Amino acid sequence: MPKAAKVYIGAVITAGTAIASFALAYWDSKDPIRFCVFLALFAGAALLKGRIPGLTGTYSPVFFFVLVGSHALSFSEVVFAAGLAGIVQCTLFVQRYPSPAQVGFNAANMMIATASAFPLIHGEVHGLTEQPLMILLVLGASVYYVVNTGLVSVILTLVEAKPLNNIWRLWCLRSLPYYLVGALITGAALSAQPQLSMRVVVMVCPFLLLATIYYRYWLKSINH
């Protein structure tokens, strides 16, 4: 692995560790049972991973639950749930077990992207306090999308020695519809039921699963 890639991975893992340390230092969990349910949802979503043709990275519907979790959980809870999902996504049901650095990078990537989106979804950014929930979710989804795909695109560029704009364009064009649909589904559900309950989560899951299945078949069709 090139030295630049090792330095970059180390920087991302350091940033993720700092976020995890902050979340742990200010731990807040008002409903441990709900948190455990979301941990299971995050882990389950991470197992439904797929691969974008032409790239070595994977995607999963964890993104959907980051949006829902950011609305229902505390910052500490959703960050740790995202980190768990990152570990599950790259260690279970894989053909080749990843190195500790790869596991750490994937978990850190998830935590950084989630931490970046959280304040937008909660309307904690100046000027967004009074905005409708749908707008907040779309903004949060956009930030999560840019951070998540951006971090992965850079490491793929450093490791595979391919132009960053080519990797970013390929990833962007083939994953953006998936993120947009997920944001719309989540936004519609949460706008209809602002007070999130597990019943709402259960009702949303089939639609998110259908979106994931359709997206997977769509990727296969455009690659043939």
Protein backbone atom coordinates (compact mmCIF):
# COMPACT_ATOMS: atom_id res chain seq x y z
CA MET A 1 0.00 0.00 0.00
CA PRO A 2 1.37 3.46 -0.89
CA LYS A 3 2.63 5.59 1.98
CA ALA A 4 0.15 8.36 1.15
CA ALA A 5 -2.71 5.86 1.52
CA LYS A 6 -1.43 4.73 4.93
CA VAL A 7 -1.18 8.33 6.13
CA TYR A 8 -4.69 9.09 4.86
CA ILE A 9 -6.16 5.98 6.51
CA GLY A 10 -4.46 6.93 9.76
CA ALA A 11 -5.91 10.46 9.60
CA VAL A 12 -9.44 9.17 8.96
CA ILE A 13 -9.19 6.62 11.80
CA THR A 14 -7.87 9.35 14.13
CA ALA A 15 -10.83 11.60 13.25
CA GLY A 16 -13.26 8.73 13.81
CA THR A 17 -11.63 7.91 17.15
CA ALA A 18 -11.96 11.54 18.23
CA ILE A 19 -15.67 11.53 17.37
CA ALA A 20 -16.19 8.23 19.21
CA SER A 21 -14.34 9.59 22.26
CA PHE A 22 -16.50 12.71 22.28
CA ALA A 23 -19.66 10.62 21.96
CA LEU A 24 -18.56 8.40 24.83
CA ALA A 25 -17.56 11.33 27.05
CA TYR A 26 -21.00 12.90 26.59
CA TRP A 27 -22.95 9.65 26.44
CA ASP A 28 -26.71 10.11 26.41
CA SER A 29 -29.21 7.26 26.14
CA LYS A 30 -32.73 7.96 27.36
CA ASP A 31 -34.19 4.68 26.07
CA PRO A 32 -31.70 1.76 26.12
CA ILE A 33 -34.24 -0.64 24.60
CA ARG A 34 -34.80 1.61 21.59
CA PHE A 35 -31.04 1.99 21.23
CA CYS A 36 -30.60 -1.79 21.19
CA VAL A 37 -33.31 -2.13 18.54
CA PHE A 38 -31.53 0.43 16.37
CA LEU A 39 -28.21 -1.35 16.89
CA ALA A 40 -29.83 -4.48 15.46
CA LEU A 41 -31.31 -2.50 12.55
CA PHE A 42 -27.95 -0.88 11.74
CA ALA A 43 -26.17 -4.24 11.87
CA GLY A 44 -28.84 -5.94 9.78
CA ALA A 45 -28.75 -3.19 7.17
CA ALA A 46 -24.95 -3.50 6.97
CA LEU A 47 -25.36 -7.15 5.95
CA LEU A 48 -27.44 -6.13 2.91
CA LYS A 49 -24.36 -4.69 1.25
CA GLY A 50 -23.79 -4.59 -2.46
CA ARG A 51 -20.98 -3.59 -4.80
CA ILE A 52 -20.98 -0.80 -7.35
CA PRO A 53 -19.64 -2.17 -10.68
CA GLY A 54 -16.20 -0.84 -11.49
CA LEU A 55 -15.36 0.00 -7.86
CA THR A 56 -14.03 -2.01 -4.94
CA GLY A 57 -16.18 -0.18 -2.39
CA THR A 58 -19.57 -1.38 -1.17
CA TYR A 59 -22.85 0.31 -0.32
CA SER A 60 -25.62 -0.67 2.09
CA PRO A 61 -28.98 0.64 3.36
CA VAL A 62 -27.30 1.72 6.61
CA PHE A 63 -27.69 5.23 5.23
CA PHE A 64 -31.48 5.02 5.68
CA PHE A 65 -31.17 4.19 9.36
CA VAL A 66 -28.63 6.95 9.88
CA LEU A 67 -31.36 9.39 8.83
CA VAL A 68 -34.01 7.76 11.01
CA GLY A 69 -31.59 7.25 13.89
CA SER A 70 -30.41 10.86 13.76
CA HIS A 71 -34.02 11.87 14.30
CA ALA A 72 -34.76 9.33 17.04
CA LEU A 73 -31.48 8.80 18.90
CA SER A 74 -28.91 10.96 20.64
CA PHE A 75 -25.66 11.92 18.93
CA SER A 76 -23.74 9.36 21.00
CA GLU A 77 -26.11 6.53 20.15
CA VAL A 78 -26.29 7.11 16.41
CA VAL A 79 -22.51 7.53 16.10
CA PHE A 80 -21.82 4.23 17.85
CA ALA A 81 -24.55 2.47 15.87
CA ALA A 82 -22.96 3.75 12.64
CA GLY A 83 -19.52 2.59 13.77
CA LEU A 84 -20.91 -0.88 14.52
CA ALA A 85 -22.50 -0.98 11.07
CA GLY A 86 -19.17 -0.06 9.49
CA ILE A 87 -17.46 -2.97 11.24
CA VAL A 88 -20.20 -5.43 10.34
CA GLN A 89 -20.27 -4.32 6.71
CA CYS A 90 -16.62 -5.07 6.08
CA THR A 91 -16.09 -8.14 8.28
CA LEU A 92 -19.10 -10.42 7.81
CA PHE A 93 -19.87 -12.41 4.65
CA VAL A 94 -16.69 -11.32 2.90
CA GLN A 95 -14.52 -13.34 0.53
CA ARG A 96 -11.33 -11.95 2.03
CA TYR A 97 -11.07 -10.80 5.63
CA PRO A 98 -9.97 -7.16 5.83
CA SER A 99 -6.95 -5.83 7.70
CA PRO A 100 -7.43 -3.98 11.01
CA ALA A 101 -6.70 -0.72 9.15
CA GLN A 102 -9.51 -1.42 6.67
CA VAL A 103 -11.94 -2.22 9.49
CA GLY A 104 -10.96 0.92 11.34
CA PHE A 105 -11.26 3.05 8.22
CA ASN A 106 -14.74 1.73 7.40
CA ALA A 107 -16.01 2.30 10.95
CA ALA A 108 -14.44 5.77 11.08
CA ASN A 109 -15.93 6.67 7.69
CA MET A 110 -19.41 5.79 8.91
CA MET A 111 -18.98 7.75 12.15
CA ILE A 112 -17.56 10.84 10.44
CA ALA A 113 -20.34 10.92 7.83
CA THR A 114 -23.01 10.39 10.50
CA ALA A 115 -21.55 13.05 12.80
CA SER A 116 -21.47 15.48 9.85
CA ALA A 117 -25.13 14.91 9.01
CA PHE A 118 -26.51 14.84 12.57
CA PRO A 119 -26.58 18.62 13.32
CA LEU A 120 -28.29 19.34 10.00
CA ILE A 121 -31.02 16.77 10.59
CA HIS A 122 -31.58 18.22 14.08
CA GLY A 123 -31.70 21.76 12.74
CA GLU A 124 -28.79 22.78 14.94
CA VAL A 125 -27.11 24.77 12.18
CA HIS A 126 -27.79 28.52 12.13
CA GLY A 127 -30.68 29.36 9.82
CA LEU A 128 -32.14 25.84 9.75
CA THR A 129 -33.96 25.78 13.09
CA GLU A 130 -37.39 26.53 11.62
CA GLN A 131 -37.01 24.53 8.40
CA PRO A 132 -39.40 21.61 7.66
CA LEU A 133 -38.16 18.16 8.59
CA MET A 134 -38.08 17.05 4.94
CA ILE A 135 -35.61 19.81 4.05
CA LEU A 136 -33.45 18.97 7.06
CA LEU A 137 -33.36 15.30 6.07
CA VAL A 138 -32.46 16.10 2.45
CA LEU A 139 -29.66 18.40 3.63
CA GLY A 140 -28.42 15.82 6.11
CA ALA A 141 -28.56 13.10 3.47
CA SER A 142 -26.60 15.27 1.06
CA VAL A 143 -23.84 15.92 3.59
CA TYR A 144 -23.69 12.24 4.55
CA TYR A 145 -23.51 11.29 0.88
CA VAL A 146 -20.69 13.72 0.06
CA VAL A 147 -18.61 12.83 3.14
CA ASN A 148 -19.12 9.07 2.88
CA THR A 149 -18.44 8.75 -0.85
CA GLY A 150 -15.73 11.41 -0.74
CA LEU A 151 -13.68 9.63 1.93
CA VAL A 152 -13.94 6.33 0.06
CA SER A 153 -13.15 7.91 -3.32
CA VAL A 154 -9.93 9.41 -1.99
CA ILE A 155 -8.65 6.11 -0.57
CA LEU A 156 -9.52 4.28 -3.79
CA THR A 157 -7.60 6.93 -5.70
CA LEU A 158 -4.53 6.52 -3.49
CA VAL A 159 -4.60 2.71 -3.48
CA GLU A 160 -5.59 2.04 -7.10
CA ALA A 161 -3.76 5.04 -8.63
CA LYS A 162 -6.83 6.13 -10.58
CA PRO A 163 -7.88 9.76 -11.17
CA LEU A 164 -10.05 11.04 -8.32
CA ASN A 165 -12.54 12.71 -10.67
CA ASN A 166 -13.12 9.42 -12.52
CA ILE A 167 -13.77 7.46 -9.33
CA TRP A 168 -15.94 10.23 -7.87
CA ARG A 169 -17.97 10.50 -11.08
CA LEU A 170 -18.51 6.75 -11.29
CA TRP A 171 -19.51 6.53 -7.63
CA CYS A 172 -21.66 9.65 -7.80
CA LEU A 173 -23.63 8.72 -10.91
CA ARG A 174 -24.34 5.21 -9.69
CA SER A 175 -25.16 5.88 -6.04
CA LEU A 176 -26.85 9.29 -6.02
CA PRO A 177 -30.33 7.96 -7.04
CA TYR A 178 -30.18 5.47 -4.18
CA TYR A 179 -29.43 8.18 -1.62
CA LEU A 180 -32.12 10.50 -2.99
CA VAL A 181 -34.81 7.82 -2.90
CA GLY A 182 -33.80 6.87 0.63
CA ALA A 183 -34.00 10.47 1.80
CA LEU A 184 -37.45 10.90 0.24
CA ILE A 185 -38.82 7.69 1.76
CA THR A 186 -37.45 8.54 5.18
CA GLY A 187 -38.59 12.15 4.94
CA ALA A 188 -42.13 11.18 3.94
CA ALA A 189 -42.43 8.71 6.81
CA LEU A 190 -41.04 11.04 9.47
CA SER A 191 -43.01 14.03 8.20
CA ALA A 192 -46.22 12.01 8.50
CA GLN A 193 -45.29 10.76 11.98
CA PRO A 194 -42.92 13.30 13.63
CA GLN A 195 -43.05 11.40 16.92
CA LEU A 196 -41.11 8.35 15.82
CA SER A 197 -42.27 5.01 17.16
CA MET A 198 -41.09 1.49 16.43
CA ARG A 199 -44.32 0.99 14.49
CA VAL A 200 -43.21 3.67 12.04
CA VAL A 201 -39.76 2.06 11.73
CA VAL A 202 -41.34 -1.32 11.00
CA MET A 203 -43.62 0.24 8.37
CA VAL A 204 -40.70 1.97 6.65
CA CYS A 205 -38.37 -1.04 6.55
CA PRO A 206 -40.17 -2.88 3.68
CA PHE A 207 -39.98 0.22 1.46
CA LEU A 208 -36.29 0.64 2.20
CA LEU A 209 -35.70 -3.03 1.44
CA LEU A 210 -37.56 -2.73 -1.86
CA ALA A 211 -35.52 0.34 -2.79
CA THR A 212 -32.31 -1.58 -2.02
CA ILE A 213 -33.36 -4.61 -4.07
CA TYR A 214 -34.42 -2.45 -7.01
CA TYR A 215 -31.18 -0.47 -6.89
CA ARG A 216 -29.13 -3.67 -6.86
CA TYR A 217 -30.90 -5.00 -9.96
CA TRP A 218 -30.62 -1.60 -11.64
CA LEU A 219 -26.86 -1.60 -11.14
CA LYS A 220 -26.63 -5.05 -12.66
CA SER A 221 -28.73 -4.04 -15.66
CA ILE A 222 -26.66 -0.96 -16.55
CA ASN A 223 -23.47 -2.97 -16.25
CA HIS A 224 -24.50 -5.46 -18.92
